[in-house]
């Protein structure tokens, strides 16, 4: 019901016909990408990707761009992705993924209307926890509870499919654990990666 309400609202108020990712990037509020001026944004959009664009907090670089997707490098450890996702005829929302790779890569995912009004994540994406990577059929086995309760194994990075709207999630636990801990976890993992598909205005596993 919640998704229906959002789709109705978006289809009525957010006609996105003719809009592309460049238009949305240029109108992106400064608090979502601090220090990047309108001129910087224009330079990034026309840049071939071979050069960096200086700004107040360092240098940024365009990594990928299509009509509905943009990925930029915001620091040595960080990237930002913008993706337009269709929700109804001529209407879209914007998904932003900010990823920081320190000890391990970890992403924060948020959603906005094309007028940059924030939408609650649980309208479009279920809660992302480490449990989605584990095989629940093995939960009665010895050491399963130990494997899923280890501290500091929560970093999950997210990346859009290069040519579509699939969202690939990667469980980046190995960088934070010892070889012994990894050996304890592996028997209970389904996979280090999980793909969510964008179907009927919601991500589904």
C-alpha atoms as a PDB file:
ATOM      1  CA  UNK A   1       0.000   0.000   0.000  1.00  0.00           C
ATOM      2  CA  UNK A   2       2.857   2.358   0.866  1.00  0.00           C
ATOM      3  CA  UNK A   3       4.463   1.819  -2.559  1.00  0.00           C
ATOM      4  CA  UNK A   4       1.132   2.463  -4.295  1.00  0.00           C
ATOM      5  CA  UNK A   5       0.795   5.803  -2.495  1.00  0.00           C
ATOM      6  CA  UNK A   6       4.317   6.818  -3.489  1.00  0.00           C
ATOM      7  CA  UNK A   7       3.827   5.773  -7.099  1.00  0.00           C
ATOM      8  CA  UNK A   8       0.562   7.737  -7.270  1.00  0.00           C
ATOM      9  CA  UNK A   9       2.232  10.809  -5.778  1.00  0.00           C
ATOM     10  CA  UNK A  10       5.170  10.583  -8.135  1.00  0.00           C
ATOM     11  CA  UNK A  11       3.063  10.012 -11.231  1.00  0.00           C
ATOM     12  CA  UNK A  12       0.969  13.074 -10.429  1.00  0.00           C
ATOM     13  CA  UNK A  13       3.670  15.488  -9.307  1.00  0.00           C
ATOM     14  CA  UNK A  14       6.931  14.423 -10.925  1.00  0.00           C
ATOM     15  CA  UNK A  15       6.739  14.378 -14.665  1.00  0.00           C
ATOM     16  CA  UNK A  16      10.285  13.498 -15.660  1.00  0.00           C
ATOM     17  CA  UNK A  17       9.881  13.474 -19.423  1.00  0.00           C
ATOM     18  CA  UNK A  18      13.041  14.831 -21.061  1.00  0.00           C
ATOM     19  CA  UNK A  19      15.001  14.835 -17.813  1.00  0.00           C
ATOM     20  CA  UNK A  20      18.314  13.030 -17.690  1.00  0.00           C
ATOM     21  CA  UNK A  21      20.942  12.417 -15.059  1.00  0.00           C
ATOM     22  CA  UNK A  22      22.836  15.547 -16.056  1.00  0.00           C
ATOM     23  CA  UNK A  23      19.815  17.745 -15.345  1.00  0.00           C
ATOM     24  CA  UNK A  24      19.366  16.139 -11.938  1.00  0.00           C
ATOM     25  CA  UNK A  25      23.051  16.357 -11.065  1.00  0.00           C
ATOM     26  CA  UNK A  26      23.092  20.083 -11.818  1.00  0.00           C
ATOM     27  CA  UNK A  27      20.055  20.638  -9.568  1.00  0.00           C
ATOM     28  CA  UNK A  28      21.417  18.424  -6.772  1.00  0.00           C
ATOM     29  CA  UNK A  29      21.376  20.303  -3.431  1.00  0.00           C
ATOM     30  CA  UNK A  30      24.761  21.402  -2.135  1.00  0.00           C
ATOM     31  CA  UNK A  31      24.349  19.503   1.134  1.00  0.00           C
ATOM     32  CA  UNK A  32      24.365  16.232  -0.817  1.00  0.00           C
ATOM     33  CA  UNK A  33      27.679  17.063  -2.490  1.00  0.00           C
ATOM     34  CA  UNK A  34      29.367  19.772  -0.383  1.00  0.00           C
ATOM     35  CA  UNK A  35      31.768  22.161  -2.037  1.00  0.00           C
ATOM     36  CA  UNK A  36      30.844  21.318  -5.626  1.00  0.00           C
ATOM     37  CA  UNK A  37      29.796  24.456  -7.490  1.00  0.00           C
ATOM     38  CA  UNK A  38      27.500  24.665 -10.496  1.00  0.00           C
ATOM     39  CA  UNK A  39      30.573  25.266 -12.631  1.00  0.00           C
ATOM     40  CA  UNK A  40      32.249  22.146 -11.212  1.00  0.00           C
ATOM     41  CA  UNK A  41      29.163  20.102 -12.036  1.00  0.00           C
ATOM     42  CA  UNK A  42      29.113  21.357 -15.616  1.00  0.00           C
ATOM     43  CA  UNK A  43      32.813  20.552 -16.014  1.00  0.00           C
ATOM     44  CA  UNK A  44      32.251  17.026 -14.711  1.00  0.00           C
ATOM     45  CA  UNK A  45      29.369  16.386 -17.088  1.00  0.00           C
ATOM     46  CA  UNK A  46      31.326  17.446 -20.167  1.00  0.00           C
ATOM     47  CA  UNK A  47      34.630  16.020 -18.957  1.00  0.00           C
ATOM     48  CA  UNK A  48      35.941  12.936 -20.743  1.00  0.00           C
ATOM     49  CA  UNK A  49      36.844  11.332 -17.432  1.00  0.00           C
ATOM     50  CA  UNK A  50      40.560  11.645 -18.055  1.00  0.00           C
ATOM     51  CA  UNK A  51      41.046  14.699 -15.877  1.00  0.00           C
ATOM     52  CA  UNK A  52      40.102  15.690 -12.343  1.00  0.00           C
ATOM     53  CA  UNK A  53      38.078  18.749 -11.435  1.00  0.00           C
ATOM     54  CA  UNK A  54      39.345  20.785  -8.465  1.00  0.00           C
ATOM     55  CA  UNK A  55      36.908  21.899  -5.780  1.00  0.00           C
ATOM     56  CA  UNK A  56      36.944  23.170  -2.216  1.00  0.00           C
ATOM     57  CA  UNK A  57      37.467  19.767  -0.570  1.00  0.00           C
ATOM     58  CA  UNK A  58      40.005  18.313  -3.009  1.00  0.00           C
ATOM     59  CA  UNK A  59      39.468  16.775  -6.440  1.00  0.00           C
ATOM     60  CA  UNK A  60      36.605  14.920  -8.045  1.00  0.00           C
ATOM     61  CA  UNK A  61      36.497  12.818 -11.180  1.00  0.00           C
ATOM     62  CA  UNK A  62      33.739  11.371 -13.345  1.00  0.00           C
ATOM     63  CA  UNK A  63      34.011   7.592 -13.596  1.00  0.00           C
ATOM     64  CA  UNK A  64      30.870   6.621 -15.546  1.00  0.00           C
ATOM     65  CA  UNK A  65      27.950   8.438 -17.164  1.00  0.00           C
ATOM     66  CA  UNK A  66      24.865   7.485 -19.156  1.00  0.00           C
ATOM     67  CA  UNK A  67      21.479   9.122 -19.642  1.00  0.00           C
ATOM     68  CA  UNK A  68      20.232   7.795 -16.284  1.00  0.00           C
ATOM     69  CA  UNK A  69      23.407   7.023 -14.321  1.00  0.00           C
ATOM     70  CA  UNK A  70      26.396   8.950 -13.012  1.00  0.00           C
ATOM     71  CA  UNK A  71      29.284   7.771 -10.869  1.00  0.00           C
ATOM     72  CA  UNK A  72      31.920  10.170  -9.591  1.00  0.00           C
ATOM     73  CA  UNK A  73      34.991   9.769  -7.441  1.00  0.00           C
ATOM     74  CA  UNK A  74      34.766  12.247  -4.572  1.00  0.00           C
ATOM     75  CA  UNK A  75      38.014  11.377  -2.755  1.00  0.00           C
ATOM     76  CA  UNK A  76      40.727   8.734  -2.609  1.00  0.00           C
ATOM     77  CA  UNK A  77      38.337   6.605  -0.561  1.00  0.00           C
ATOM     78  CA  UNK A  78      34.898   7.742  -1.684  1.00  0.00           C
ATOM     79  CA  UNK A  79      32.482   7.557  -4.618  1.00  0.00           C
ATOM     80  CA  UNK A  80      28.952   8.823  -5.244  1.00  0.00           C
ATOM     81  CA  UNK A  81      26.473   7.191  -7.635  1.00  0.00           C
ATOM     82  CA  UNK A  82      23.257   8.751  -8.942  1.00  0.00           C
ATOM     83  CA  UNK A  83      20.705   6.545 -10.658  1.00  0.00           C
ATOM     84  CA  UNK A  84      17.272   7.424 -12.083  1.00  0.00           C
ATOM     85  CA  UNK A  85      14.768   4.645 -11.395  1.00  0.00           C
ATOM     86  CA  UNK A  86      11.395   4.530 -13.187  1.00  0.00           C
ATOM     87  CA  UNK A  87       8.312   4.319 -10.955  1.00  0.00           C
ATOM     88  CA  UNK A  88       5.539   5.133 -13.438  1.00  0.00           C
ATOM     89  CA  UNK A  89       5.156   6.388 -16.984  1.00  0.00           C
ATOM     90  CA  UNK A  90       7.316   9.515 -17.391  1.00  0.00           C
ATOM     91  CA  UNK A  91       8.119   9.532 -13.637  1.00  0.00           C
ATOM     92  CA  UNK A  92      11.290   8.579 -11.816  1.00  0.00           C
ATOM     93  CA  UNK A  93      12.977   8.732  -8.462  1.00  0.00           C
ATOM     94  CA  UNK A  94      16.672   9.273  -7.796  1.00  0.00           C
ATOM     95  CA  UNK A  95      18.794   6.776  -5.900  1.00  0.00           C
ATOM     96  CA  UNK A  96      22.061   8.015  -4.396  1.00  0.00           C
ATOM     97  CA  UNK A  97      24.762   5.634  -3.211  1.00  0.00           C
ATOM     98  CA  UNK A  98      27.653   7.077  -1.253  1.00  0.00           C
ATOM     99  CA  UNK A  99      30.478   4.608  -0.673  1.00  0.00           C
ATOM    100  CA  UNK A 100      33.538   5.010   1.529  1.00  0.00           C
ATOM    101  CA  UNK A 101      36.357   2.481   1.374  1.00  0.00           C
ATOM    102  CA  UNK A 102      38.433   2.737   4.546  1.00  0.00           C
ATOM    103  CA  UNK A 103      39.201  -0.618   6.162  1.00  0.00           C
ATOM    104  CA  UNK A 104      36.409  -2.046   4.011  1.00  0.00           C
ATOM    105  CA  UNK A 105      33.960  -0.533   1.542  1.00  0.00           C
ATOM    106  CA  UNK A 106      30.625   0.491   3.037  1.00  0.00           C
ATOM    107  CA  UNK A 107      27.705   2.197   1.263  1.00  0.00           C
ATOM    108  CA  UNK A 108      24.840   4.423   2.331  1.00  0.00           C
ATOM    109  CA  UNK A 109      21.768   4.341   0.065  1.00  0.00           C
ATOM    110  CA  UNK A 110      19.121   7.067  -0.070  1.00  0.00           C
ATOM    111  CA  UNK A 111      16.192   7.952  -2.327  1.00  0.00           C
ATOM    112  CA  UNK A 112      14.809  11.288  -3.516  1.00  0.00           C
ATOM    113  CA  UNK A 113      12.140  12.639  -5.786  1.00  0.00           C
ATOM    114  CA  UNK A 114      13.365  14.449  -8.874  1.00  0.00           C
ATOM    115  CA  UNK A 115      12.675  17.641  -6.922  1.00  0.00           C
ATOM    116  CA  UNK A 116      15.159  16.405  -4.300  1.00  0.00           C
ATOM    117  CA  UNK A 117      12.664  15.624  -1.553  1.00  0.00           C
ATOM    118  CA  UNK A 118      13.892  12.697   0.509  1.00  0.00           C
ATOM    119  CA  UNK A 119      11.905   9.445   0.506  1.00  0.00           C
ATOM    120  CA  UNK A 120      12.195   6.802   3.222  1.00  0.00           C
ATOM    121  CA  UNK A 121      14.414   3.917   2.098  1.00  0.00           C
ATOM    122  CA  UNK A 122      12.003   1.205   3.225  1.00  0.00           C
ATOM    123  CA  UNK A 123       9.529   2.318   0.576  1.00  0.00           C
ATOM    124  CA  UNK A 124      11.800   0.904  -2.128  1.00  0.00           C
ATOM    125  CA  UNK A 125      14.493  -1.223  -0.499  1.00  0.00           C
ATOM    126  CA  UNK A 126      14.264  -3.689   2.402  1.00  0.00           C
ATOM    127  CA  UNK A 127      16.617  -3.287   5.328  1.00  0.00           C
ATOM    128  CA  UNK A 128      20.088  -4.408   4.343  1.00  0.00           C
ATOM    129  CA  UNK A 129      21.729  -6.582   6.969  1.00  0.00           C
ATOM    130  CA  UNK A 130      24.442  -9.202   6.899  1.00  0.00           C
ATOM    131  CA  UNK A 131      21.781 -11.912   7.262  1.00  0.00           C
ATOM    132  CA  UNK A 132      20.829 -11.621   3.578  1.00  0.00           C
ATOM    133  CA  UNK A 133      24.195 -13.194   2.718  1.00  0.00           C
ATOM    134  CA  UNK A 134      23.773 -16.150   5.089  1.00  0.00           C
ATOM    135  CA  UNK A 135      21.980 -19.425   4.432  1.00  0.00           C
ATOM    136  CA  UNK A 136      19.090 -19.418   6.895  1.00  0.00           C
ATOM    137  CA  UNK A 137      18.521 -23.144   6.316  1.00  0.00           C
ATOM    138  CA  UNK A 138      21.712 -23.717   8.334  1.00  0.00           C
ATOM    139  CA  UNK A 139      20.687 -21.646  11.329  1.00  0.00           C
ATOM    140  CA  UNK A 140      20.333 -24.728  13.539  1.00  0.00           C
ATOM    141  CA  UNK A 141      23.875 -25.863  12.806  1.00  0.00           C
ATOM    142  CA  UNK A 142      26.639 -25.490  15.347  1.00  0.00           C
ATOM    143  CA  UNK A 143      28.450 -22.125  15.189  1.00  0.00           C
ATOM    144  CA  UNK A 144      25.816 -20.444  12.966  1.00  0.00           C
ATOM    145  CA  UNK A 145      24.896 -17.983  15.709  1.00  0.00           C
ATOM    146  CA  UNK A 146      28.577 -17.287  16.293  1.00  0.00           C
ATOM    147  CA  UNK A 147      29.134 -16.617  12.590  1.00  0.00           C
ATOM    148  CA  UNK A 148      26.301 -14.091  12.264  1.00  0.00           C
ATOM    149  CA  UNK A 149      27.068 -12.360  15.567  1.00  0.00           C
ATOM    150  CA  UNK A 150      30.722 -11.519  14.974  1.00  0.00           C
ATOM    151  CA  UNK A 151      31.402  -7.848  15.592  1.00  0.00           C
ATOM    152  CA  UNK A 152      32.536  -5.485  12.844  1.00  0.00           C
ATOM    153  CA  UNK A 153      31.438  -7.582   9.858  1.00  0.00           C
ATOM    154  CA  UNK A 154      28.670  -5.289   8.685  1.00  0.00           C
ATOM    155  CA  UNK A 155      30.193  -3.325   5.766  1.00  0.00           C
ATOM    156  CA  UNK A 156      28.054  -3.761   2.651  1.00  0.00           C
ATOM    157  CA  UNK A 157      28.868  -1.913  -0.562  1.00  0.00           C
ATOM    158  CA  UNK A 158      26.374  -1.280  -3.358  1.00  0.00           C
ATOM    159  CA  UNK A 159      26.912  -0.841  -7.079  1.00  0.00           C
ATOM    160  CA  UNK A 160      24.500  -0.426  -9.951  1.00  0.00           C
ATOM    161  CA  UNK A 161      24.602  -2.672 -12.971  1.00  0.00           C
ATOM    162  CA  UNK A 162      26.432  -0.797 -15.725  1.00  0.00           C
ATOM    163  CA  UNK A 163      23.609  -1.080 -18.245  1.00  0.00           C
ATOM    164  CA  UNK A 164      20.512  -1.566 -16.097  1.00  0.00           C
ATOM    165  CA  UNK A 165      18.877  -0.993 -12.739  1.00  0.00           C
ATOM    166  CA  UNK A 166      20.065  -4.105 -10.917  1.00  0.00           C
ATOM    167  CA  UNK A 167      21.694  -3.338  -7.570  1.00  0.00           C
ATOM    168  CA  UNK A 168      24.599  -5.578  -6.596  1.00  0.00           C
ATOM    169  CA  UNK A 169      25.458  -5.746  -2.903  1.00  0.00           C
ATOM    170  CA  UNK A 170      28.832  -7.018  -1.720  1.00  0.00           C
ATOM    171  CA  UNK A 171      29.524  -8.260   1.797  1.00  0.00           C
ATOM    172  CA  UNK A 172      32.995  -6.887   2.604  1.00  0.00           C
ATOM    173  CA  UNK A 173      33.759  -8.891   5.726  1.00  0.00           C
ATOM    174  CA  UNK A 174      37.139 -10.378   4.786  1.00  0.00           C
ATOM    175  CA  UNK A 175      39.146  -7.200   5.339  1.00  0.00           C
ATOM    176  CA  UNK A 176      37.974  -6.986   8.948  1.00  0.00           C
ATOM    177  CA  UNK A 177      38.379 -10.583  10.082  1.00  0.00           C
ATOM    178  CA  UNK A 178      41.197 -12.996  10.778  1.00  0.00           C
ATOM    179  CA  UNK A 179      41.712 -16.073   8.608  1.00  0.00           C
ATOM    180  CA  UNK A 180      40.264 -18.172  11.410  1.00  0.00           C
ATOM    181  CA  UNK A 181      37.109 -16.070  11.633  1.00  0.00           C
ATOM    182  CA  UNK A 182      36.674 -16.181   7.852  1.00  0.00           C
ATOM    183  CA  UNK A 183      36.919 -19.982   7.978  1.00  0.00           C
ATOM    184  CA  UNK A 184      34.170 -20.002  10.629  1.00  0.00           C
ATOM    185  CA  UNK A 185      31.850 -17.844   8.502  1.00  0.00           C
ATOM    186  CA  UNK A 186      32.277 -19.337   5.032  1.00  0.00           C
ATOM    187  CA  UNK A 187      30.285 -22.573   5.590  1.00  0.00           C
ATOM    188  CA  UNK A 188      27.192 -20.504   6.371  1.00  0.00           C
ATOM    189  CA  UNK A 189      27.402 -17.968   3.554  1.00  0.00           C
ATOM    190  CA  UNK A 190      25.250 -18.270   0.455  1.00  0.00           C
ATOM    191  CA  UNK A 191      27.439 -15.807  -1.421  1.00  0.00           C
ATOM    192  CA  UNK A 192      29.591 -12.718  -0.915  1.00  0.00           C
ATOM    193  CA  UNK A 193      27.283 -10.880  -3.345  1.00  0.00           C
ATOM    194  CA  UNK A 194      23.523 -10.496  -3.685  1.00  0.00           C
ATOM    195  CA  UNK A 195      21.633  -8.854  -6.545  1.00  0.00           C
ATOM    196  CA  UNK A 196      18.397  -6.921  -6.095  1.00  0.00           C
ATOM    197  CA  UNK A 197      16.287  -6.277  -9.196  1.00  0.00           C
ATOM    198  CA  UNK A 198      14.179  -3.142  -9.692  1.00  0.00           C
ATOM    199  CA  UNK A 199      10.658  -4.459 -10.363  1.00  0.00           C
ATOM    200  CA  UNK A 200       7.364  -2.578 -10.056  1.00  0.00           C
ATOM    201  CA  UNK A 201       9.025   0.341  -8.272  1.00  0.00           C
ATOM    202  CA  UNK A 202      10.743  -1.734  -5.599  1.00  0.00           C
ATOM    203  CA  UNK A 203      14.025  -3.621  -5.256  1.00  0.00           C
ATOM    204  CA  UNK A 204      13.450  -7.376  -4.924  1.00  0.00           C
ATOM    205  CA  UNK A 205      16.008 -10.050  -4.169  1.00  0.00           C
END
